Amino acid sequence: RKTATPACSLALTFELEAFAQLSTLDRLVEHDAMDLAESFARHLDSDARHHLVRTLIDRELYKQAHRCCGTFGLSSSYPQARLLYGRQTITKLASKGRWEIAVERAGEDTELQRLVVELRAAAGDEG
């Protein structure tokens, strides 16, 4: 698998404005180059950062969207990123029977706590 890291590094070094487009971010996400997309977005304007978070949410890449929200200070603009990531994590843990960790992950969030209870009840697990 080829990587776009050297090309992105050169584009940023030489400040190639033609490369600094939303379509570039889209391509990086499409090719699962999340760290590179996040790094690249650091050099772009606020609109591009918002675009990246929306793209990640649309693609159900909630962990990455949540991380980008923290990195770019966008948590208040996309509060659903944290909730979607939490729901995704708890659902995965529940599917593996990792109830204690799911409860821990839910923390004080009542919506996530409710999800743990619902999933546990659906699984018929009383223990």
Foldseek 3Di string as FASTA:
>chain_A
DDDCVVVLVVCVVVVVVVCLDLVVLVVCVVVVVLVSSLVSCVPPDPVSLVSNLVSCVVVLVLVSSVVSCVVVVNCVVCVVSVVSVLLVVLVVCLVVVVLVVQCVSCPPPPVSVVSSVVSCVVVVHPD
